[in-house]
Amino acid sequence: MILRRPAAIAFAASEGFLDRLACVIGAVCAAQGPEFFQQYLQRLGGHLDEARRQLAGFEQAAHAAGKPLDDFATDVVANPDPGLAKLGASIQDTIERVDELTAAQHALVDASVWTRPFAFLGHLQTDIARATLQVFKPAVPTTMEGAFYAAVGVALAFSVWHFAIRLPVRRFLGPTEGRKVKSKLVSA
């Protein structure tokens, strides 16, 4: 007879529950991906709208000066007045910001379920992601994308559970060769 340590017996008895728990946690966590992207995309759109509003004001000023926006910005940057030069730099920053945010928005909107995480990372606006995370509200997405992410979460969580936790713990707590217990019948 092989004697098992009490911890090994307890672990073996709870493995089925822990398998399921890891899968549920993985599904719930990964299913938040589409919800985070959606909330991030809303914030990104808000930033883009505001940057476009600022840019429209600069375009009106350039039009009033009779110049294309890029030429107007270059002229204002070259102005010897430090305040106007700083305004020119702000115009150039706004032009660049609108381009960056537009590219990021198009990348996320046009990405497929498979490529969205890569598009997100490739065009990550860390300030917007940080702000999104601060007010993020978890939700249960009921879309095919949500189901896909949940399935990926199940697979990843189960793999981590199985290969990084379950197998090493089994090896550590596994069956040990014990002393064979002999019982003798004592006759009275």
Protein backbone atom coordinates (compact mmCIF):
# COMPACT_ATOMS: atom_id res chain seq x y z
CA MET A 1 0.00 0.00 0.00
CA ILE A 2 1.30 3.48 -0.84
CA LEU A 3 0.72 6.07 1.84
CA ARG A 4 -0.01 9.61 0.63
CA ARG A 5 0.61 12.77 2.53
CA PRO A 6 -2.55 14.48 3.79
CA ALA A 7 -1.77 17.57 1.66
CA ALA A 8 -1.61 15.40 -1.47
CA ILE A 9 -4.95 13.86 -0.65
CA ALA A 10 -6.52 17.27 -0.04
CA PHE A 11 -5.05 18.62 -3.27
CA ALA A 12 -6.27 15.63 -5.28
CA ALA A 13 -9.76 16.04 -3.82
CA SER A 14 -9.93 19.72 -4.82
CA GLU A 15 -8.38 19.47 -8.29
CA GLY A 16 -11.70 19.28 -10.13
CA PHE A 17 -12.97 22.38 -8.37
CA LEU A 18 -9.71 24.24 -8.97
CA ASP A 19 -9.77 23.27 -12.67
CA ARG A 20 -13.23 24.79 -13.05
CA LEU A 21 -12.36 27.85 -10.97
CA ALA A 22 -9.31 28.58 -13.14
CA CYS A 23 -11.44 28.29 -16.28
CA VAL A 24 -14.15 30.61 -14.93
CA ILE A 25 -11.62 33.20 -13.78
CA GLY A 26 -9.86 33.04 -17.15
CA ALA A 27 -13.13 33.41 -19.06
CA VAL A 28 -14.38 36.35 -16.99
CA CYS A 29 -11.05 38.19 -17.10
CA ALA A 30 -10.43 37.69 -20.82
CA ALA A 31 -14.04 38.56 -21.70
CA GLN A 32 -13.32 42.03 -20.32
CA GLY A 33 -11.03 42.68 -23.30
CA PRO A 34 -13.79 43.70 -25.72
CA GLU A 35 -15.42 45.83 -23.02
CA PHE A 36 -12.14 47.60 -22.29
CA PHE A 37 -11.57 48.18 -26.03
CA GLN A 38 -15.07 49.63 -26.33
CA GLN A 39 -14.61 52.01 -23.39
CA TYR A 40 -11.11 52.91 -24.61
CA LEU A 41 -12.49 53.59 -28.10
CA GLN A 42 -15.12 55.94 -26.66
CA ARG A 43 -12.45 57.91 -24.79
CA LEU A 44 -10.22 57.91 -27.85
CA GLY A 45 -13.08 59.33 -29.90
CA GLY A 46 -13.64 62.05 -27.31
CA HIS A 47 -9.98 63.03 -27.39
CA LEU A 48 -10.06 63.02 -31.18
CA ASP A 49 -13.18 65.21 -31.30
CA GLU A 50 -11.58 67.73 -28.95
CA ALA A 51 -8.30 67.78 -30.89
CA ARG A 52 -10.24 68.29 -34.14
CA ARG A 53 -12.18 71.15 -32.54
CA GLN A 54 -8.90 72.84 -31.57
CA LEU A 55 -7.49 72.19 -35.03
CA ALA A 56 -10.55 73.77 -36.66
CA GLY A 57 -9.88 76.95 -34.69
CA PHE A 58 -6.27 76.98 -35.92
CA GLU A 59 -7.47 76.33 -39.49
CA GLN A 60 -9.80 79.33 -39.26
CA ALA A 61 -6.92 81.52 -38.10
CA ALA A 62 -4.75 80.21 -40.96
CA HIS A 63 -7.58 80.87 -43.45
CA ALA A 64 -7.98 84.42 -42.10
CA ALA A 65 -4.23 84.91 -42.64
CA GLY A 66 -4.60 83.56 -46.18
CA LYS A 67 -2.21 80.65 -45.64
CA PRO A 68 -2.38 76.86 -45.56
CA LEU A 69 -2.33 75.54 -41.98
CA ASP A 70 1.18 74.05 -42.21
CA ASP A 71 2.65 77.33 -43.53
CA PHE A 72 0.75 79.30 -40.91
CA ALA A 73 2.11 77.07 -38.12
CA THR A 74 5.68 77.37 -39.46
CA ASP A 75 5.39 81.16 -39.62
CA VAL A 76 4.00 81.38 -36.09
CA VAL A 77 6.78 79.12 -34.73
CA ALA A 78 9.36 81.39 -36.40
CA ASN A 79 7.89 84.53 -34.79
CA PRO A 80 10.38 86.27 -32.48
CA ASP A 81 7.70 86.68 -29.82
CA PRO A 82 8.14 83.68 -27.46
CA GLY A 83 4.39 83.49 -26.77
CA LEU A 84 3.53 83.29 -30.46
CA ALA A 85 6.33 80.80 -31.09
CA LYS A 86 4.87 78.61 -28.35
CA LEU A 87 1.44 78.94 -30.00
CA GLY A 88 2.99 77.75 -33.28
CA ALA A 89 4.41 74.70 -31.50
CA SER A 90 0.96 74.04 -30.04
CA ILE A 91 -0.55 74.18 -33.55
CA GLN A 92 2.01 71.65 -34.80
CA ASP A 93 1.40 69.41 -31.76
CA THR A 94 -2.34 69.53 -32.41
CA ILE A 95 -1.87 68.56 -36.07
CA GLU A 96 0.29 65.59 -35.00
CA ARG A 97 -2.15 64.61 -32.24
CA VAL A 98 -5.10 64.56 -34.64
CA ASP A 99 -3.10 62.35 -37.02
CA GLU A 100 -2.06 59.94 -34.22
CA LEU A 101 -5.56 59.68 -32.76
CA THR A 102 -7.14 59.23 -36.19
CA ALA A 103 -4.70 56.42 -37.02
CA ALA A 104 -5.36 54.76 -33.65
CA GLN A 105 -9.13 55.00 -34.07
CA HIS A 106 -9.05 53.59 -37.61
CA ALA A 107 -6.73 50.77 -36.55
CA LEU A 108 -9.09 49.66 -33.76
CA VAL A 109 -12.32 50.11 -35.69
CA ASP A 110 -11.00 48.31 -38.77
CA ALA A 111 -9.31 45.47 -36.86
CA SER A 112 -10.80 41.99 -36.71
CA VAL A 113 -11.32 40.04 -33.52
CA TRP A 114 -7.98 38.34 -34.19
CA THR A 115 -5.98 41.51 -34.85
CA ARG A 116 -7.59 43.98 -32.40
CA PRO A 117 -5.17 43.30 -29.50
CA PHE A 118 -2.22 43.87 -31.84
CA ALA A 119 -3.80 47.01 -33.33
CA PHE A 120 -4.43 48.26 -29.80
CA LEU A 121 -0.82 47.69 -28.74
CA GLY A 122 0.52 49.11 -32.02
CA HIS A 123 -1.40 52.38 -31.60
CA LEU A 124 -1.58 52.53 -27.82
CA GLN A 125 -2.27 55.95 -26.38
CA THR A 126 -1.04 55.37 -22.84
CA ASP A 127 -2.68 58.48 -21.40
CA ILE A 128 -6.07 57.38 -22.73
CA ALA A 129 -5.56 53.74 -21.68
CA ARG A 130 -4.60 54.82 -18.15
CA ALA A 131 -7.66 57.09 -17.90
CA THR A 132 -9.89 54.32 -19.25
CA LEU A 133 -8.54 51.86 -16.71
CA GLN A 134 -9.20 54.28 -13.85
CA VAL A 135 -12.94 54.39 -14.62
CA PHE A 136 -13.29 50.96 -16.27
CA LYS A 137 -16.56 49.20 -15.50
CA PRO A 138 -16.45 45.43 -16.03
CA ALA A 139 -19.30 44.00 -18.05
CA VAL A 140 -20.37 40.70 -19.51
CA PRO A 141 -20.14 41.10 -23.27
CA THR A 142 -22.75 39.05 -25.09
CA THR A 143 -21.14 39.29 -28.50
CA MET A 144 -19.27 36.71 -30.52
CA GLU A 145 -16.11 38.69 -29.80
CA GLY A 146 -16.80 38.40 -26.07
CA ALA A 147 -17.32 34.66 -26.42
CA PHE A 148 -14.09 34.33 -28.39
CA TYR A 149 -12.12 36.22 -25.76
CA ALA A 150 -13.74 34.14 -23.00
CA ALA A 151 -12.73 30.94 -24.79
CA VAL A 152 -9.16 32.18 -25.15
CA GLY A 153 -9.21 33.09 -21.45
CA VAL A 154 -10.37 29.58 -20.53
CA ALA A 155 -7.58 28.02 -22.59
CA LEU A 156 -4.89 30.31 -21.16
CA ALA A 157 -6.06 30.03 -17.56
CA PHE A 158 -6.38 26.26 -17.77
CA SER A 159 -2.94 25.98 -19.35
CA VAL A 160 -1.36 28.13 -16.65
CA TRP A 161 -3.23 26.21 -13.96
CA HIS A 162 -2.32 22.81 -15.39
CA PHE A 163 1.31 23.36 -16.35
CA ALA A 164 2.50 26.01 -13.88
CA ILE A 165 0.57 25.00 -10.76
CA ARG A 166 -1.11 21.59 -10.91
CA LEU A 167 1.75 19.50 -12.32
CA PRO A 168 4.48 21.01 -10.10
CA VAL A 169 2.28 20.63 -7.01
CA ARG A 170 1.48 17.03 -7.95
CA ARG A 171 5.18 16.29 -8.33
CA PHE A 172 5.90 17.89 -4.99
CA LEU A 173 3.02 16.34 -3.09
CA GLY A 174 2.69 13.18 -5.13
CA PRO A 175 2.55 9.67 -3.74
CA THR A 176 5.45 8.62 -1.58
CA GLU A 177 6.65 5.18 -0.89
CA GLY A 178 5.61 4.49 2.63
CA ARG A 179 6.05 1.68 4.98
CA LYS A 180 3.91 -1.26 4.32
CA VAL A 181 1.49 -1.67 7.10
CA LYS A 182 1.11 -5.20 8.20
CA SER A 183 -1.75 -6.19 10.28
CA LYS A 184 -1.88 -9.33 12.22
CA LEU A 185 -4.94 -10.92 13.39
CA VAL A 186 -4.75 -11.42 17.03
CA SER A 187 -6.67 -14.36 18.18
CA ALA A 188 -8.13 -14.28 21.53
